[in-house]
Amino acid sequence: MSFASVYPHYVNKAEKKGRTKQEVDTVIGWLTGYTQESLQAAIDTKIDFENFFAQAPCLHPNASKITGVICGYRVEEIEDKLMQKIRYMDKLIDELAKGRPMEKILRK
């Protein structure tokens, strides 16, 4: 599945709850190390999730602090590393849409 096909859903979910595309990009950049330009390039090339994470500059060292349930699974217990990274992103977008303060989303 391409990251580009899911990205608009992330933005849509956040915007429905009064958050912005910029905040979505900030959260994704925090998790993956992508800059605004490299994130847009990944979207434009319709990169799949596996390569999106494989080419990510760096997974944030605090990503392991992302815990909780998303889609019925505890993110900290997911064994498949790619699926865990995808669920990390899902969880961050979910927290953003629920109105959680950015400082807490970014585990500061």
Protein backbone atom coordinates (compact mmCIF):
# COMPACT_ATOMS: atom_id res chain seq x y z
CA MET A 1 0.00 0.00 0.00
CA SER A 2 1.39 3.40 -0.88
CA PHE A 3 1.95 6.01 1.77
CA ALA A 4 0.51 8.58 -0.65
CA SER A 5 -2.84 6.77 -0.68
CA VAL A 6 -3.14 6.91 3.13
CA TYR A 7 -1.69 10.38 3.72
CA PRO A 8 -4.85 12.25 2.61
CA HIS A 9 -6.83 10.21 5.14
CA TYR A 10 -4.44 11.30 7.90
CA VAL A 11 -4.89 14.94 6.89
CA ASN A 12 -8.65 14.56 6.55
CA LYS A 13 -8.98 12.96 9.99
CA ALA A 14 -6.98 15.75 11.60
CA GLU A 15 -8.74 18.58 9.75
CA LYS A 16 -12.18 17.25 10.69
CA LYS A 17 -11.16 17.78 14.31
CA GLY A 18 -9.79 21.29 13.79
CA ARG A 19 -6.13 20.38 13.35
CA THR A 20 -4.02 21.30 10.30
CA LYS A 21 -2.10 19.60 7.51
CA GLN A 22 1.01 21.31 8.88
CA GLU A 23 0.49 19.60 12.24
CA VAL A 24 0.11 16.24 10.48
CA ASP A 25 3.37 16.89 8.63
CA THR A 26 5.07 17.90 11.87
CA VAL A 27 4.01 14.68 13.57
CA ILE A 28 5.13 12.55 10.62
CA GLY A 29 8.42 14.45 10.43
CA TRP A 30 9.02 13.97 14.15
CA LEU A 31 8.50 10.23 13.86
CA THR A 32 10.47 9.65 10.66
CA GLY A 33 12.94 12.51 10.29
CA TYR A 34 11.48 13.55 6.93
CA THR A 35 11.61 17.25 6.11
CA GLN A 36 8.65 18.96 4.45
CA GLU A 37 10.39 18.63 1.07
CA SER A 38 11.36 14.98 1.44
CA LEU A 39 7.88 14.12 2.76
CA GLN A 40 6.31 15.75 -0.29
CA ALA A 41 8.73 13.85 -2.56
CA ALA A 42 7.68 10.57 -0.90
CA ILE A 43 4.03 11.45 -1.52
CA ASP A 44 4.69 12.49 -5.14
CA THR A 45 6.52 9.25 -5.95
CA LYS A 46 3.75 7.17 -4.35
CA ILE A 47 6.26 5.28 -2.24
CA ASP A 48 4.95 2.25 -0.35
CA PHE A 49 5.02 2.08 3.44
CA GLU A 50 7.91 -0.38 3.52
CA ASN A 51 10.15 1.93 1.50
CA PHE A 52 8.78 5.02 3.22
CA PHE A 53 10.11 3.75 6.53
CA ALA A 54 13.22 2.13 5.03
CA GLN A 55 14.21 5.48 3.47
CA ALA A 56 13.23 7.55 6.49
CA PRO A 57 16.21 9.56 7.73
CA CYS A 58 15.76 8.20 11.26
CA LEU A 59 13.02 6.89 13.47
CA HIS A 60 12.77 9.21 16.47
CA PRO A 61 14.50 7.76 19.55
CA ASN A 62 11.35 8.42 21.61
CA ALA A 63 9.13 6.43 19.25
CA SER A 64 9.21 3.56 21.72
CA LYS A 65 7.37 5.84 24.16
CA ILE A 66 4.31 5.66 21.90
CA THR A 67 1.98 3.27 23.68
CA GLY A 68 -1.68 2.43 23.70
CA VAL A 69 -4.24 0.70 21.55
CA ILE A 70 -4.81 1.40 17.88
CA CYS A 71 -7.01 -0.77 15.66
CA GLY A 72 -7.41 -3.21 18.55
CA TYR A 73 -3.67 -3.80 19.04
CA ARG A 74 -1.28 -2.45 21.65
CA VAL A 75 1.38 -0.71 19.59
CA GLU A 76 4.15 -1.59 22.01
CA GLU A 77 3.39 -5.32 21.59
CA ILE A 78 3.35 -5.52 17.77
CA GLU A 79 6.14 -7.85 16.72
CA ASP A 80 6.33 -6.99 13.01
CA LYS A 81 8.59 -3.91 13.01
CA LEU A 82 7.10 -2.39 9.85
CA MET A 83 3.56 -2.79 11.14
CA GLN A 84 4.64 -1.32 14.47
CA LYS A 85 6.02 1.79 12.74
CA ILE A 86 2.80 2.16 10.73
CA ARG A 87 0.75 1.87 13.92
CA TYR A 88 3.04 4.38 15.65
CA MET A 89 2.09 6.84 12.92
CA ASP A 90 -1.59 5.91 13.18
CA LYS A 91 -1.47 6.46 16.93
CA LEU A 92 0.17 9.87 16.60
CA ILE A 93 -2.43 10.99 14.05
CA ASP A 94 -5.17 9.67 16.32
CA GLU A 95 -3.79 11.65 19.27
CA LEU A 96 -3.60 14.75 17.07
CA ALA A 97 -7.22 14.33 15.97
CA LYS A 98 -8.32 13.85 19.57
CA GLY A 99 -6.92 17.27 20.45
CA ARG A 100 -3.93 16.19 22.50
CA PRO A 101 -1.36 18.99 22.91
CA MET A 102 1.52 18.83 20.41
CA GLU A 103 4.11 18.70 23.23
CA LYS A 104 2.59 15.47 24.50
CA ILE A 105 2.17 13.96 21.02
CA LEU A 106 5.86 14.60 20.34
CA ARG A 107 6.80 13.04 23.70
CA LYS A 108 8.65 16.12 24.95
